[in-house]
PDB file of all heavy atoms in Angstrom:
ATOM      1  N   THR A   1      93.016  83.744 112.083  1.00  0.00           N
ATOM      2  CA  THR A   1      93.535  85.101 111.864  1.00  0.00           C
ATOM      3  C   THR A   1      92.428  86.148 111.813  1.00  0.00           C
ATOM      4  O   THR A   1      92.706  87.346 111.911  1.00  0.00           O
ATOM      5  CB  THR A   1      94.328  85.152 110.547  1.00  0.00           C
ATOM      6  OG1 THR A   1      93.457  84.819 109.443  1.00  0.00           O
ATOM      7  CG2 THR A   1      95.484  84.178 110.574  1.00  0.00           C
ATOM      8  N   GLY A   2      91.173  85.703 111.665  1.00  0.00           N
ATOM      9  CA  GLY A   2      90.076  86.670 111.661  1.00  0.00           C
ATOM     10  C   GLY A   2      89.889  87.378 112.989  1.00  0.00           C
ATOM     11  O   GLY A   2      89.279  88.451 113.040  1.00  0.00           O
ATOM     12  N   PHE A   3      90.402  86.807 114.070  1.00  0.00           N
ATOM     13  CA  PHE A   3      90.304  87.452 115.387  1.00  0.00           C
ATOM     14  C   PHE A   3      91.421  88.469 115.623  1.00  0.00           C
ATOM     15  O   PHE A   3      91.333  89.237 116.578  1.00  0.00           O
ATOM     16  CB  PHE A   3      90.368  86.395 116.495  1.00  0.00           C
ATOM     17  CG  PHE A   3      89.256  85.398 116.444  1.00  0.00           C
ATOM     18  CD1 PHE A   3      89.478  84.100 116.012  1.00  0.00           C
ATOM     19  CD2 PHE A   3      87.970  85.750 116.833  1.00  0.00           C
ATOM     20  CE1 PHE A   3      88.466  83.178 115.962  1.00  0.00           C
ATOM     21  CE2 PHE A   3      86.934  84.825 116.791  1.00  0.00           C
ATOM     22  CZ  PHE A   3      87.177  83.535 116.357  1.00  0.00           C
ATOM     23  N   LEU A   4      92.440  88.475 114.802  1.00  0.00           N
ATOM     24  CA  LEU A   4      93.641  89.270 115.052  1.00  0.00           C
ATOM     25  C   LEU A   4      93.588  90.588 114.292  1.00  0.00           C
ATOM     26  O   LEU A   4      92.879  90.713 113.280  1.00  0.00           O
ATOM     27  CB  LEU A   4      94.884  88.472 114.644  1.00  0.00           C
ATOM     28  CG  LEU A   4      95.012  87.088 115.287  1.00  0.00           C
ATOM     29  CD1 LEU A   4      96.232  86.373 114.741  1.00  0.00           C
ATOM     30  CD2 LEU A   4      95.063  87.200 116.796  1.00  0.00           C
ATOM     31  N   PRO A   5      94.343  91.598 114.761  1.00  0.00           N
ATOM     32  CA  PRO A   5      94.368  92.890 114.062  1.00  0.00           C
ATOM     33  C   PRO A   5      95.052  92.757 112.700  1.00  0.00           C
ATOM     34  O   PRO A   5      95.903  91.895 112.484  1.00  0.00           O
ATOM     35  CB  PRO A   5      95.159  93.793 115.006  1.00  0.00           C
ATOM     36  CG  PRO A   5      95.979  92.866 115.836  1.00  0.00           C
ATOM     37  CD  PRO A   5      95.172  91.625 115.993  1.00  0.00           C
ATOM     38  N   LYS A   6      94.661  93.648 111.805  1.00  0.00           N
ATOM     39  CA  LYS A   6      95.204  93.652 110.449  1.00  0.00           C
ATOM     40  C   LYS A   6      95.956  94.957 110.207  1.00  0.00           C
ATOM     41  O   LYS A   6      95.490  96.029 110.603  1.00  0.00           O
ATOM     42  CB  LYS A   6      94.080  93.504 109.425  1.00  0.00           C
ATOM     43  CG  LYS A   6      93.279  92.230 109.572  1.00  0.00           C
ATOM     44  CD  LYS A   6      92.109  92.218 108.624  1.00  0.00           C
ATOM     45  CE  LYS A   6      91.315  90.924 108.756  1.00  0.00           C
ATOM     46  NZ  LYS A   6      90.761  90.726 110.113  1.00  0.00           N
ATOM     47  N   LEU A   7      97.085  94.857 109.599  1.00  0.00           N
ATOM     48  CA  LEU A   7      97.921  96.012 109.278  1.00  0.00           C
ATOM     49  C   LEU A   7      97.951  96.178 107.768  1.00  0.00           C
ATOM     50  O   LEU A   7      98.260  95.249 107.039  1.00  0.00           O
ATOM     51  CB  LEU A   7      99.341  95.816 109.820  1.00  0.00           C
ATOM     52  CG  LEU A   7     100.358  96.902 109.465  1.00  0.00           C
ATOM     53  CD1 LEU A   7      99.947  98.242 110.063  1.00  0.00           C
ATOM     54  CD2 LEU A   7     101.745  96.494 109.932  1.00  0.00           C
ATOM     55  N   SER A   8      97.629  97.397 107.304  1.00  0.00           N
ATOM     56  CA  SER A   8      97.641  97.680 105.868  1.00  0.00           C
ATOM     57  C   SER A   8      98.338  99.018 105.634  1.00  0.00           C
ATOM     58  O   SER A   8      98.496  99.838 106.552  1.00  0.00           O
ATOM     59  CB  SER A   8      96.219  97.715 105.296  1.00  0.00           C
ATOM     60  OG  SER A   8      95.448  98.732 105.929  1.00  0.00           O
ATOM     61  N   ALA A   9      98.765  99.225 104.412  1.00  0.00           N
ATOM     62  CA  ALA A   9      99.466 100.455 104.058  1.00  0.00           C
ATOM     63  C   ALA A   9      98.993 100.924 102.691  1.00  0.00           C
ATOM     64  O   ALA A   9      98.626 100.110 101.830  1.00  0.00           O
ATOM     65  CB  ALA A   9     100.982 100.239 104.046  1.00  0.00           C
ATOM     66  N   GLU A  10      99.044 102.232 102.503  1.00  0.00           N
ATOM     67  CA  GLU A  10      98.624 102.819 101.227  1.00  0.00           C
ATOM     68  C   GLU A  10      99.548 103.994 100.906  1.00  0.00           C
ATOM     69  O   GLU A  10      99.864 104.809 101.788  1.00  0.00           O
ATOM     70  CB  GLU A  10      97.171 103.300 101.322  1.00  0.00           C
ATOM     71  CG  GLU A  10      96.657 103.947 100.049  1.00  0.00           C
ATOM     72  CD  GLU A  10      95.233 104.455 100.199  1.00  0.00           C
ATOM     73  OE1 GLU A  10      94.541 104.024 101.159  1.00  0.00           O
ATOM     74  OE2 GLU A  10      94.812 105.287  99.381  1.00  0.00           O
ATOM     75  N   TYR A  11      99.959 104.038  99.694  1.00  0.00           N
ATOM     76  CA  TYR A  11     100.838 105.122  99.245  1.00  0.00           C
ATOM     77  C   TYR A  11     100.233 105.681  97.958  1.00  0.00           C
ATOM     78  O   TYR A  11      99.909 104.920  97.038  1.00  0.00           O
ATOM     79  CB  TYR A  11     102.251 104.598  98.990  1.00  0.00           C
ATOM     80  CG  TYR A  11     103.252 105.669  98.586  1.00  0.00           C
ATOM     81  CD1 TYR A  11     103.908 106.428  99.548  1.00  0.00           C
ATOM     82  CD2 TYR A  11     103.521 105.911  97.251  1.00  0.00           C
ATOM     83  CE1 TYR A  11     104.831 107.398  99.188  1.00  0.00           C
ATOM     84  CE2 TYR A  11     104.429 106.879  96.879  1.00  0.00           C
ATOM     85  CZ  TYR A  11     105.084 107.632  97.846  1.00  0.00           C
ATOM     86  OH  TYR A  11     105.988 108.607  97.482  1.00  0.00           O
ATOM     87  N   GLY A  12     100.060 107.033  97.924  1.00  0.00           N
ATOM     88  CA  GLY A  12      99.419 107.625  96.761  1.00  0.00           C
ATOM     89  C   GLY A  12      99.970 108.993  96.414  1.00  0.00           C
ATOM     90  O   GLY A  12     100.653 109.663  97.199  1.00  0.00           O
ATOM     91  N   TYR A  13      99.654 109.374  95.189  1.00  0.00           N
ATOM     92  CA  TYR A  13     100.059 110.689  94.665  1.00  0.00           C
ATOM     93  C   TYR A  13      98.820 111.387  94.137  1.00  0.00           C
ATOM     94  O   TYR A  13      97.976 110.775  93.478  1.00  0.00           O
ATOM     95  CB  TYR A  13     101.090 110.532  93.556  1.00  0.00           C
ATOM     96  CG  TYR A  13     101.344 111.799  92.773  1.00  0.00           C
ATOM     97  CD1 TYR A  13     102.109 112.833  93.310  1.00  0.00           C
ATOM     98  CD2 TYR A  13     100.805 111.972  91.491  1.00  0.00           C
ATOM     99  CE1 TYR A  13     102.332 114.000  92.594  1.00  0.00           C
ATOM    100  CE2 TYR A  13     101.026 113.121  90.768  1.00  0.00           C
ATOM    101  CZ  TYR A  13     101.786 114.141  91.324  1.00  0.00           C
ATOM    102  OH  TYR A  13     102.000 115.304  90.615  1.00  0.00           O
ATOM    103  N   ARG A  14      98.729 112.731  94.398  1.00  0.00           N
ATOM    104  CA  ARG A  14      97.578 113.504  93.954  1.00  0.00           C
ATOM    105  C   ARG A  14      98.052 114.873  93.477  1.00  0.00           C
ATOM    106  O   ARG A  14      98.880 115.507  94.131  1.00  0.00           O
ATOM    107  CB  ARG A  14      96.585 113.678  95.116  1.00  0.00           C
ATOM    108  CG  ARG A  14      95.409 114.589  94.808  1.00  0.00           C
ATOM    109  CD  ARG A  14      94.451 114.595  96.003  1.00  0.00           C
ATOM    110  NE  ARG A  14      93.397 115.573  95.833  1.00  0.00           N
ATOM    111  CZ  ARG A  14      93.474 116.842  96.226  1.00  0.00           C
ATOM    112  NH1 ARG A  14      94.569 117.288  96.857  1.00  0.00           N
ATOM    113  NH2 ARG A  14      92.470 117.682  96.031  1.00  0.00           N
ATOM    114  N   ARG A  15      97.535 115.290  92.346  1.00  0.00           N
ATOM    115  CA  ARG A  15      97.859 116.612  91.805  1.00  0.00           C
ATOM    116  C   ARG A  15      96.542 117.352  91.593  1.00  0.00           C
ATOM    117  O   ARG A  15      95.753 117.016  90.702  1.00  0.00           O
ATOM    118  CB  ARG A  15      98.623 116.495  90.494  1.00  0.00           C
ATOM    119  CG  ARG A  15      99.070 117.860  89.920  1.00  0.00           C
ATOM    120  CD  ARG A  15      99.762 117.660  88.573  1.00  0.00           C
ATOM    121  NE  ARG A  15     100.188 118.936  88.014  1.00  0.00           N
ATOM    122  CZ  ARG A  15     101.385 119.492  88.219  1.00  0.00           C
ATOM    123  NH1 ARG A  15     102.280 118.867  88.987  1.00  0.00           N
ATOM    124  NH2 ARG A  15     101.718 120.644  87.665  1.00  0.00           N
ATOM    125  N   PRO A  16      96.260 118.390  92.380  1.00  0.00           N
ATOM    126  CA  PRO A  16      94.995 119.121  92.247  1.00  0.00           C
ATOM    127  C   PRO A  16      94.996 120.029  91.018  1.00  0.00           C
ATOM    128  O   PRO A  16      96.040 120.393  90.484  1.00  0.00           O
ATOM    129  CB  PRO A  16      94.937 119.911  93.548  1.00  0.00           C
ATOM    130  CG  PRO A  16      96.352 120.101  93.934  1.00  0.00           C
ATOM    131  CD  PRO A  16      97.072 118.872  93.497  1.00  0.00           C
ATOM    132  N   SER A  17      93.801 120.419  90.564  1.00  0.00           N
ATOM    133  CA  SER A  17      93.676 121.299  89.404  1.00  0.00           C
ATOM    134  C   SER A  17      94.126 122.722  89.723  1.00  0.00           C
ATOM    135  O   SER A  17      94.578 123.463  88.856  1.00  0.00           O
ATOM    136  CB  SER A  17      92.224 121.319  88.907  1.00  0.00           C
ATOM    137  OG  SER A  17      91.358 121.771  89.939  1.00  0.00           O
ATOM    138  N   GLY A  18      93.974 123.125  90.970  1.00  0.00           N
ATOM    139  CA  GLY A  18      94.408 124.464  91.378  1.00  0.00           C
ATOM    140  C   GLY A  18      95.079 124.423  92.722  1.00  0.00           C
ATOM    141  O   GLY A  18      94.694 123.643  93.607  1.00  0.00           O
ATOM    142  N   THR A  19      96.115 125.276  92.877  1.00  0.00           N
ATOM    143  CA  THR A  19      96.846 125.285  94.142  1.00  0.00           C
ATOM    144  C   THR A  19      96.816 126.644  94.821  1.00  0.00           C
ATOM    145  O   THR A  19      97.525 126.873  95.786  1.00  0.00           O
ATOM    146  CB  THR A  19      98.304 124.883  93.899  1.00  0.00           C
ATOM    147  OG1 THR A  19      98.895 125.810  92.987  1.00  0.00           O
ATOM    148  CG2 THR A  19      98.380 123.474  93.318  1.00  0.00           C
ATOM    149  N   SER A  20      96.008 127.560  94.293  1.00  0.00           N
ATOM    150  CA  SER A  20      95.957 128.913  94.871  1.00  0.00           C
ATOM    151  C   SER A  20      94.535 129.430  94.847  1.00  0.00           C
ATOM    152  O   SER A  20      93.668 128.920  94.117  1.00  0.00           O
ATOM    153  CB  SER A  20      96.868 129.878  94.093  1.00  0.00           C
ATOM    154  OG  SER A  20      96.433 129.979  92.736  1.00  0.00           O
ATOM    155  N   THR A  21      94.275 130.443  95.674  1.00  0.00           N
ATOM    156  CA  THR A  21      92.956 131.068  95.776  1.00  0.00           C
ATOM    157  C   THR A  21      93.122 132.575  95.610  1.00  0.00           C
ATOM    158  O   THR A  21      94.055 133.171  96.172  1.00  0.00           O
ATOM    159  CB  THR A  21      92.315 130.757  97.138  1.00  0.00           C
ATOM    160  OG1 THR A  21      92.234 129.329  97.298  1.00  0.00           O
ATOM    161  CG2 THR A  21      90.926 131.353  97.216  1.00  0.00           C
ATOM    162  N   GLU A  22      92.238 133.173  94.850  1.00  0.00           N
ATOM    163  CA  GLU A  22      92.319 134.627  94.609  1.00  0.00           C
ATOM    164  C   GLU A  22      91.637 135.368  95.755  1.00  0.00           C
ATOM    165  O   GLU A  22      90.464 135.155  96.053  1.00  0.00           O
ATOM    166  CB  GLU A  22      91.653 134.968  93.284  1.00  0.00           C
ATOM    167  CG  GLU A  22      91.800 136.437  92.917  1.00  0.00           C
ATOM    168  CD  GLU A  22      91.231 136.759  91.559  1.00  0.00           C
ATOM    169  OE1 GLU A  22      90.983 135.814  90.765  1.00  0.00           O
ATOM    170  OE2 GLU A  22      91.039 137.958  91.293  1.00  0.00           O
ATOM    171  N   ILE A  23      92.400 136.230  96.399  1.00  0.00           N
ATOM    172  CA  ILE A  23      91.879 137.025  97.523  1.00  0.00           C
ATOM    173  C   ILE A  23      92.193 138.499  97.233  1.00  0.00           C
ATOM    174  O   ILE A  23      93.369 138.897  97.185  1.00  0.00           O
ATOM    175  CB  ILE A  23      92.515 136.598  98.855  1.00  0.00           C
ATOM    176  CG1 ILE A  23      92.213 135.105  99.134  1.00  0.00           C
ATOM    177  CG2 ILE A  23      91.987 137.461  99.985  1.00  0.00           C
ATOM    178  CD1 ILE A  23      92.884 134.607 100.391  1.00  0.00           C
ATOM    179  N   GLY A  24      91.162 139.301  97.045  1.00  0.00           N
ATOM    180  CA  GLY A  24      91.358 140.743  96.765  1.00  0.00           C
ATOM    181  C   GLY A  24      92.149 140.979  95.482  1.00  0.00           C
ATOM    182  O   GLY A  24      92.966 141.900  95.421  1.00  0.00           O
ATOM    183  N   GLY A  25      91.912 140.139  94.483  1.00  0.00           N
ATOM    184  CA  GLY A  25      92.629 140.278  93.232  1.00  0.00           C
ATOM    185  C   GLY A  25      94.043 139.751  93.257  1.00  0.00           C
ATOM    186  O   GLY A  25      94.786 139.904  92.278  1.00  0.00           O
ATOM    187  N   VAL A  26      94.422 139.115  94.369  1.00  0.00           N
ATOM    188  CA  VAL A  26      95.775 138.561  94.503  1.00  0.00           C
ATOM    189  C   VAL A  26      95.664 137.044  94.656  1.00  0.00           C
ATOM    190  O   VAL A  26      94.884 136.549  95.475  1.00  0.00           O
ATOM    191  CB  VAL A  26      96.514 139.159  95.722  1.00  0.00           C
ATOM    192  CG1 VAL A  26      97.902 138.542  95.843  1.00  0.00           C
ATOM    193  CG2 VAL A  26      96.584 140.662  95.611  1.00  0.00           C
ATOM    194  N   ASN A  27      96.405 136.318  93.849  1.00  0.00           N
ATOM    195  CA  ASN A  27      96.431 134.858  93.958  1.00  0.00           C
ATOM    196  C   ASN A  27      97.306 134.433  95.127  1.00  0.00           C
ATOM    197  O   ASN A  27      98.493 134.774  95.194  1.00  0.00           O
ATOM    198  CB  ASN A  27      96.973 134.221  92.677  1.00  0.00           C
ATOM    199  CG  ASN A  27      95.977 134.326  91.526  1.00  0.00           C
ATOM    200  OD1 ASN A  27      94.775 134.320  91.751  1.00  0.00           O
ATOM    201  ND2 ASN A  27      96.489 134.475  90.304  1.00  0.00           N
TER     202      ASN A  27
END
């Protein structure tokens, strides 16, 4: 099986600290 292709999967969740950027005093 070392000669054959391998199929893998990954499922994840991420929550960033900030979701907006201030531009000209406007978020």
